[in-house]
Amino acid sequence: MTAAPPTVSELLSQADPGRAEEARKGMGNIRVQGLEAGELLYRFSAFAAGPVAWISSPWWISRQCYQTLLGSMPETQSNPHALSPDIVARMALALPHYWEASPASPLNLIDLLVEAVLTRNVWALVGDPRAQRETAPNGMRITWSGSPKVKQLFLPELAPRKAARTAAHSAFSGGKPSPVISRATLSPSAPLVSVRRTLKVPSHPLFTR
């Protein structure tokens, strides 16, 4: 990307005010980073939230961070005491259960991994995950501290000020995506990312109702 980068404030001003505040609270040491077309991005979501929510969020991580997370996930089948993949992701990315909760998914179980590819160059915000706190249904106070080894990506273009988000509704072509894996291409009205696949992630029963 040859153009001069915008400032953090300029990028945040492009986002919905609520989402911009979410970025400030969710990340520390925020800076601007250019992402190139063809780069793979990843995010954890709740399967129950549905396809629109899976792809319309501005929160993503890079392929490098995703591979870092994979490297920190022990083989749970051979080690029954190992942390489940969703807990590893929560700890590293500081993702509380109320994060991006919705009526369809009041507890974000992050039981789905979305892999997408950027279709064009874009400026993004990158930062360190800030610690987040919440209380479990059993009264336990939990702190998701975040890992210095991973970085959060925030794409303001996916959280515009006039967020009609109508483009996201047409993101998945064909029928209902499979719970295990699905492939789709975004319509021309939503050209920023194209979903390559979705994968179910085993979730921990701590917050499951």
C-alpha atoms as a PDB file:
ATOM      1  CA  MET A   1       0.000   0.000   0.000  1.00  0.00           C
ATOM      2  CA  THR A   2       1.710   3.162  -1.236  1.00  0.00           C
ATOM      3  CA  ALA A   3      -0.697   5.816   0.084  1.00  0.00           C
ATOM      4  CA  ALA A   4       0.110   7.532   3.365  1.00  0.00           C
ATOM      5  CA  PRO A   5      -1.651   5.746   6.216  1.00  0.00           C
ATOM      6  CA  PRO A   6      -4.485   7.459   8.086  1.00  0.00           C
ATOM      7  CA  THR A   7      -4.169   8.119  11.786  1.00  0.00           C
ATOM      8  CA  VAL A   8      -5.784   5.963  14.448  1.00  0.00           C
ATOM      9  CA  SER A   9      -8.297   8.734  15.142  1.00  0.00           C
ATOM     10  CA  GLU A  10      -9.175   9.052  11.455  1.00  0.00           C
ATOM     11  CA  LEU A  11      -9.840   5.336  11.168  1.00  0.00           C
ATOM     12  CA  LEU A  12     -11.908   5.244  14.340  1.00  0.00           C
ATOM     13  CA  SER A  13     -13.966   8.173  13.072  1.00  0.00           C
ATOM     14  CA  GLN A  14     -15.069   5.988  10.146  1.00  0.00           C
ATOM     15  CA  ALA A  15     -16.586   3.406  12.482  1.00  0.00           C
ATOM     16  CA  ASP A  16     -19.895   3.420  14.288  1.00  0.00           C
ATOM     17  CA  PRO A  17     -19.304   5.353  17.568  1.00  0.00           C
ATOM     18  CA  GLY A  18     -20.242   2.357  19.694  1.00  0.00           C
ATOM     19  CA  ARG A  19     -17.887   0.099  17.786  1.00  0.00           C
ATOM     20  CA  ALA A  20     -15.110   2.708  17.957  1.00  0.00           C
ATOM     21  CA  GLU A  21     -15.439   2.798  21.735  1.00  0.00           C
ATOM     22  CA  GLU A  22     -15.390  -1.003  21.724  1.00  0.00           C
ATOM     23  CA  ALA A  23     -12.070  -0.886  19.872  1.00  0.00           C
ATOM     24  CA  ARG A  24     -10.595   1.505  22.442  1.00  0.00           C
ATOM     25  CA  LYS A  25     -11.710  -0.701  25.326  1.00  0.00           C
ATOM     26  CA  GLY A  26     -10.708  -3.950  23.629  1.00  0.00           C
ATOM     27  CA  MET A  27      -7.180  -3.061  22.520  1.00  0.00           C
ATOM     28  CA  GLY A  28      -4.118  -1.336  23.877  1.00  0.00           C
ATOM     29  CA  ASN A  29      -1.181   0.140  21.980  1.00  0.00           C
ATOM     30  CA  ILE A  30      -3.435   0.725  18.949  1.00  0.00           C
ATOM     31  CA  ARG A  31      -1.760   1.509  15.652  1.00  0.00           C
ATOM     32  CA  VAL A  32      -2.559   1.512  11.936  1.00  0.00           C
ATOM     33  CA  GLN A  33      -1.590  -1.386   9.689  1.00  0.00           C
ATOM     34  CA  GLY A  34      -2.104  -1.914   5.982  1.00  0.00           C
ATOM     35  CA  LEU A  35      -3.582  -5.255   4.911  1.00  0.00           C
ATOM     36  CA  GLU A  36      -3.165  -6.529   1.371  1.00  0.00           C
ATOM     37  CA  ALA A  37      -5.715  -8.199  -0.872  1.00  0.00           C
ATOM     38  CA  GLY A  38      -5.388 -11.982  -0.646  1.00  0.00           C
ATOM     39  CA  GLU A  39      -4.428 -12.061   3.022  1.00  0.00           C
ATOM     40  CA  LEU A  40      -6.228 -14.648   5.141  1.00  0.00           C
ATOM     41  CA  LEU A  41      -8.065 -13.450   8.228  1.00  0.00           C
ATOM     42  CA  TYR A  42      -9.659 -15.444  11.036  1.00  0.00           C
ATOM     43  CA  ARG A  43     -12.201 -14.824  13.776  1.00  0.00           C
ATOM     44  CA  PHE A  44     -14.050 -16.784  16.443  1.00  0.00           C
ATOM     45  CA  SER A  45     -17.820 -16.450  16.581  1.00  0.00           C
ATOM     46  CA  ALA A  46     -20.906 -18.199  17.914  1.00  0.00           C
ATOM     47  CA  PHE A  47     -22.549 -20.655  15.544  1.00  0.00           C
ATOM     48  CA  ALA A  48     -25.981 -19.748  16.948  1.00  0.00           C
ATOM     49  CA  ALA A  49     -25.469 -16.090  15.963  1.00  0.00           C
ATOM     50  CA  GLY A  50     -25.863 -16.980  12.285  1.00  0.00           C
ATOM     51  CA  PRO A  51     -23.985 -16.165   9.055  1.00  0.00           C
ATOM     52  CA  VAL A  52     -24.623 -12.408   9.167  1.00  0.00           C
ATOM     53  CA  ALA A  53     -22.922 -12.040  12.537  1.00  0.00           C
ATOM     54  CA  TRP A  54     -20.105 -14.381  11.529  1.00  0.00           C
ATOM     55  CA  ILE A  55     -18.822 -12.021   8.858  1.00  0.00           C
ATOM     56  CA  SER A  56     -20.141  -8.558   9.713  1.00  0.00           C
ATOM     57  CA  SER A  57     -17.920  -8.049  12.756  1.00  0.00           C
ATOM     58  CA  PRO A  58     -14.882  -5.754  12.477  1.00  0.00           C
ATOM     59  CA  TRP A  59     -12.877  -8.020  14.825  1.00  0.00           C
ATOM     60  CA  TRP A  60     -10.374 -10.413  13.190  1.00  0.00           C
ATOM     61  CA  ILE A  61      -6.881 -11.847  13.637  1.00  0.00           C
ATOM     62  CA  SER A  62      -4.127 -12.439  11.105  1.00  0.00           C
ATOM     63  CA  ARG A  63      -3.021 -15.821   9.821  1.00  0.00           C
ATOM     64  CA  GLN A  64       0.188 -15.478  11.844  1.00  0.00           C
ATOM     65  CA  CYS A  65      -1.773 -14.940  15.065  1.00  0.00           C
ATOM     66  CA  TYR A  66      -4.069 -17.822  14.187  1.00  0.00           C
ATOM     67  CA  GLN A  67      -1.048 -20.099  13.754  1.00  0.00           C
ATOM     68  CA  THR A  68       0.297 -18.878  17.108  1.00  0.00           C
ATOM     69  CA  LEU A  69      -2.998 -19.886  18.715  1.00  0.00           C
ATOM     70  CA  LEU A  70      -2.873 -23.280  17.034  1.00  0.00           C
ATOM     71  CA  GLY A  71       0.622 -23.834  18.400  1.00  0.00           C
ATOM     72  CA  SER A  72      -0.607 -23.146  21.942  1.00  0.00           C
ATOM     73  CA  MET A  73      -3.524 -25.574  21.714  1.00  0.00           C
ATOM     74  CA  PRO A  74      -2.513 -28.982  23.134  1.00  0.00           C
ATOM     75  CA  GLU A  75      -3.870 -32.197  21.704  1.00  0.00           C
ATOM     76  CA  THR A  76      -6.976 -32.566  23.867  1.00  0.00           C
ATOM     77  CA  GLN A  77      -7.666 -36.120  22.757  1.00  0.00           C
ATOM     78  CA  SER A  78      -4.387 -37.350  24.197  1.00  0.00           C
ATOM     79  CA  ASN A  79      -4.541 -35.088  27.255  1.00  0.00           C
ATOM     80  CA  PRO A  80      -7.925 -35.038  29.013  1.00  0.00           C
ATOM     81  CA  HIS A  81      -6.708 -32.249  31.320  1.00  0.00           C
ATOM     82  CA  ALA A  82      -5.756 -29.919  28.469  1.00  0.00           C
ATOM     83  CA  LEU A  83      -7.680 -26.684  27.972  1.00  0.00           C
ATOM     84  CA  SER A  84     -10.281 -26.784  25.234  1.00  0.00           C
ATOM     85  CA  PRO A  85      -9.573 -24.728  22.064  1.00  0.00           C
ATOM     86  CA  ASP A  86     -12.203 -22.090  22.867  1.00  0.00           C
ATOM     87  CA  ILE A  87     -10.682 -21.466  26.322  1.00  0.00           C
ATOM     88  CA  VAL A  88      -7.215 -21.091  24.768  1.00  0.00           C
ATOM     89  CA  ALA A  89      -8.673 -18.546  22.329  1.00  0.00           C
ATOM     90  CA  ARG A  90     -10.486 -16.691  25.130  1.00  0.00           C
ATOM     91  CA  MET A  91      -7.347 -16.458  27.241  1.00  0.00           C
ATOM     92  CA  ALA A  92      -5.140 -15.290  24.370  1.00  0.00           C
ATOM     93  CA  LEU A  93      -7.590 -12.818  22.802  1.00  0.00           C
ATOM     94  CA  ALA A  94      -9.345 -11.716  26.030  1.00  0.00           C
ATOM     95  CA  LEU A  95     -12.830 -12.686  24.829  1.00  0.00           C
ATOM     96  CA  PRO A  96     -15.520 -12.614  27.534  1.00  0.00           C
ATOM     97  CA  HIS A  97     -18.804 -14.399  26.952  1.00  0.00           C
ATOM     98  CA  TYR A  98     -20.703 -11.114  26.650  1.00  0.00           C
ATOM     99  CA  TRP A  99     -18.479 -10.034  23.753  1.00  0.00           C
ATOM    100  CA  GLU A 100     -20.678  -9.559  20.672  1.00  0.00           C
ATOM    101  CA  ALA A 101     -23.565 -11.333  22.374  1.00  0.00           C
ATOM    102  CA  SER A 102     -26.915 -11.129  20.619  1.00  0.00           C
ATOM    103  CA  PRO A 103     -30.528 -12.259  21.160  1.00  0.00           C
ATOM    104  CA  ALA A 104     -29.741 -15.281  18.995  1.00  0.00           C
ATOM    105  CA  SER A 105     -26.595 -15.995  21.010  1.00  0.00           C
ATOM    106  CA  PRO A 106     -26.808 -14.431  24.517  1.00  0.00           C
ATOM    107  CA  LEU A 107     -23.623 -16.260  25.464  1.00  0.00           C
ATOM    108  CA  ASN A 108     -20.933 -16.037  22.825  1.00  0.00           C
ATOM    109  CA  LEU A 109     -19.548 -19.572  23.032  1.00  0.00           C
ATOM    110  CA  ILE A 110     -17.028 -18.894  20.228  1.00  0.00           C
ATOM    111  CA  ASP A 111     -17.728 -22.374  18.944  1.00  0.00           C
ATOM    112  CA  LEU A 112     -17.103 -21.417  15.311  1.00  0.00           C
ATOM    113  CA  LEU A 113     -13.939 -20.410  13.468  1.00  0.00           C
ATOM    114  CA  VAL A 114     -14.353 -18.288  10.339  1.00  0.00           C
ATOM    115  CA  GLU A 115     -11.601 -18.160   7.713  1.00  0.00           C
ATOM    116  CA  ALA A 116     -11.858 -15.351   5.150  1.00  0.00           C
ATOM    117  CA  VAL A 117      -9.721 -13.721   2.487  1.00  0.00           C
ATOM    118  CA  LEU A 118      -9.415  -9.983   1.852  1.00  0.00           C
ATOM    119  CA  THR A 119     -10.506  -9.037  -1.646  1.00  0.00           C
ATOM    120  CA  ARG A 120      -8.744  -5.655  -1.684  1.00  0.00           C
ATOM    121  CA  ASN A 121      -6.242  -3.554   0.235  1.00  0.00           C
ATOM    122  CA  VAL A 122      -7.537  -1.955   3.422  1.00  0.00           C
ATOM    123  CA  TRP A 123      -6.289  -0.013   6.430  1.00  0.00           C
ATOM    124  CA  ALA A 124      -6.926  -1.677   9.781  1.00  0.00           C
ATOM    125  CA  LEU A 125      -6.255  -1.025  13.438  1.00  0.00           C
ATOM    126  CA  VAL A 126      -4.047  -3.497  15.265  1.00  0.00           C
ATOM    127  CA  GLY A 127      -3.483  -3.690  19.002  1.00  0.00           C
ATOM    128  CA  ASP A 128      -2.791  -5.811  22.061  1.00  0.00           C
ATOM    129  CA  PRO A 129      -5.789  -7.513  23.680  1.00  0.00           C
ATOM    130  CA  ARG A 130      -6.877  -5.694  26.843  1.00  0.00           C
ATOM    131  CA  ALA A 131      -7.846  -7.767  29.876  1.00  0.00           C
ATOM    132  CA  GLN A 132     -11.610  -8.299  30.200  1.00  0.00           C
ATOM    133  CA  ARG A 133     -13.532  -9.423  33.292  1.00  0.00           C
ATOM    134  CA  GLU A 134     -16.841 -11.159  33.787  1.00  0.00           C
ATOM    135  CA  THR A 135     -18.798 -13.232  36.306  1.00  0.00           C
ATOM    136  CA  ALA A 136     -19.767 -16.832  35.549  1.00  0.00           C
ATOM    137  CA  PRO A 137     -23.290 -18.090  36.337  1.00  0.00           C
ATOM    138  CA  ASN A 138     -21.839 -19.849  39.391  1.00  0.00           C
ATOM    139  CA  GLY A 139     -20.543 -16.514  40.725  1.00  0.00           C
ATOM    140  CA  MET A 140     -16.907 -17.113  39.821  1.00  0.00           C
ATOM    141  CA  ARG A 141     -15.050 -13.943  38.789  1.00  0.00           C
ATOM    142  CA  ILE A 142     -13.008 -14.538  35.647  1.00  0.00           C
ATOM    143  CA  THR A 143     -10.325 -12.412  34.035  1.00  0.00           C
ATOM    144  CA  TRP A 144      -9.377 -13.064  30.416  1.00  0.00           C
ATOM    145  CA  SER A 145      -5.972 -11.425  30.370  1.00  0.00           C
ATOM    146  CA  GLY A 146      -4.915 -11.601  26.724  1.00  0.00           C
ATOM    147  CA  SER A 147      -1.566 -12.728  25.374  1.00  0.00           C
ATOM    148  CA  PRO A 148       1.275 -10.447  24.214  1.00  0.00           C
ATOM    149  CA  LYS A 149       1.984 -13.018  21.486  1.00  0.00           C
ATOM    150  CA  VAL A 150      -1.205 -12.249  19.551  1.00  0.00           C
ATOM    151  CA  LYS A 151      -2.712  -9.061  18.144  1.00  0.00           C
ATOM    152  CA  GLN A 152      -6.291  -8.064  17.473  1.00  0.00           C
ATOM    153  CA  LEU A 153      -7.320  -6.588  14.128  1.00  0.00           C
ATOM    154  CA  PHE A 154     -10.187  -4.089  13.897  1.00  0.00           C
ATOM    155  CA  LEU A 155     -11.521  -3.243  10.416  1.00  0.00           C
ATOM    156  CA  PRO A 156     -13.588  -0.028  10.657  1.00  0.00           C
ATOM    157  CA  GLU A 157     -15.022  -0.602   7.194  1.00  0.00           C
ATOM    158  CA  LEU A 158     -16.980  -3.548   8.623  1.00  0.00           C
ATOM    159  CA  ALA A 159     -18.464  -1.282  11.307  1.00  0.00           C
ATOM    160  CA  PRO A 160     -19.502   1.831   9.340  1.00  0.00           C
ATOM    161  CA  ARG A 161     -21.220   4.813  10.916  1.00  0.00           C
ATOM    162  CA  LYS A 162     -24.388   4.173   8.919  1.00  0.00           C
ATOM    163  CA  ALA A 163     -24.330   0.477   9.617  1.00  0.00           C
ATOM    164  CA  ALA A 164     -27.263  -0.855   7.627  1.00  0.00           C
ATOM    165  CA  ARG A 165     -25.283  -4.064   7.173  1.00  0.00           C
ATOM    166  CA  THR A 166     -27.593  -5.090   4.362  1.00  0.00           C
ATOM    167  CA  ALA A 167     -24.643  -6.381   2.381  1.00  0.00           C
ATOM    168  CA  ALA A 168     -23.873  -8.926   5.073  1.00  0.00           C
ATOM    169  CA  HIS A 169     -27.290 -10.515   4.645  1.00  0.00           C
ATOM    170  CA  SER A 170     -26.396 -11.498   1.094  1.00  0.00           C
ATOM    171  CA  ALA A 171     -22.938 -12.794   1.992  1.00  0.00           C
ATOM    172  CA  PHE A 172     -23.753 -16.478   1.903  1.00  0.00           C
ATOM    173  CA  SER A 173     -24.995 -17.771  -1.425  1.00  0.00           C
ATOM    174  CA  GLY A 174     -27.085 -20.911  -1.535  1.00  0.00           C
ATOM    175  CA  GLY A 175     -28.769 -22.606   1.397  1.00  0.00           C
ATOM    176  CA  LYS A 176     -28.005 -22.718   5.079  1.00  0.00           C
ATOM    177  CA  PRO A 177     -24.286 -23.254   5.781  1.00  0.00           C
ATOM    178  CA  SER A 178     -23.192 -26.559   7.233  1.00  0.00           C
ATOM    179  CA  PRO A 179     -22.417 -26.725  10.979  1.00  0.00           C
ATOM    180  CA  VAL A 180     -19.097 -28.334  10.117  1.00  0.00           C
ATOM    181  CA  ILE A 181     -17.771 -26.538   7.056  1.00  0.00           C
ATOM    182  CA  SER A 182     -19.180 -24.194   4.465  1.00  0.00           C
ATOM    183  CA  ARG A 183     -17.856 -22.143   1.557  1.00  0.00           C
ATOM    184  CA  ALA A 184     -19.293 -18.958   0.124  1.00  0.00           C
ATOM    185  CA  THR A 185     -18.416 -15.808  -1.774  1.00  0.00           C
ATOM    186  CA  LEU A 186     -19.556 -12.329  -0.847  1.00  0.00           C
ATOM    187  CA  SER A 187     -21.812 -10.441  -3.222  1.00  0.00           C
ATOM    188  CA  PRO A 188     -20.422  -7.395  -5.114  1.00  0.00           C
ATOM    189  CA  SER A 189     -22.180  -5.137  -2.587  1.00  0.00           C
ATOM    190  CA  ALA A 190     -19.913  -6.395   0.202  1.00  0.00           C
ATOM    191  CA  PRO A 191     -16.495  -6.749  -1.419  1.00  0.00           C
ATOM    192  CA  LEU A 192     -14.130  -6.490   1.526  1.00  0.00           C
ATOM    193  CA  VAL A 193     -13.905 -10.146   2.599  1.00  0.00           C
ATOM    194  CA  SER A 194     -14.766 -13.485   1.073  1.00  0.00           C
ATOM    195  CA  VAL A 195     -15.441 -16.403   3.410  1.00  0.00           C
ATOM    196  CA  ARG A 196     -13.435 -19.513   2.574  1.00  0.00           C
ATOM    197  CA  ARG A 197     -14.721 -21.873   5.254  1.00  0.00           C
ATOM    198  CA  THR A 198     -16.176 -22.190   8.737  1.00  0.00           C
ATOM    199  CA  LEU A 199     -15.169 -24.823  11.286  1.00  0.00           C
ATOM    200  CA  LYS A 200     -16.861 -25.910  14.492  1.00  0.00           C
ATOM    201  CA  VAL A 201     -14.771 -25.405  17.632  1.00  0.00           C
ATOM    202  CA  PRO A 202     -15.263 -27.568  20.754  1.00  0.00           C
ATOM    203  CA  SER A 203     -16.506 -25.329  23.576  1.00  0.00           C
ATOM    204  CA  HIS A 204     -16.093 -25.562  27.338  1.00  0.00           C
ATOM    205  CA  PRO A 205     -19.282 -26.245  29.356  1.00  0.00           C
ATOM    206  CA  LEU A 206     -18.579 -23.561  32.011  1.00  0.00           C
ATOM    207  CA  PHE A 207     -21.092 -21.083  30.589  1.00  0.00           C
ATOM    208  CA  THR A 208     -23.310 -23.494  28.646  1.00  0.00           C
ATOM    209  CA  ARG A 209     -26.889 -23.286  29.820  1.00  0.00           C
END
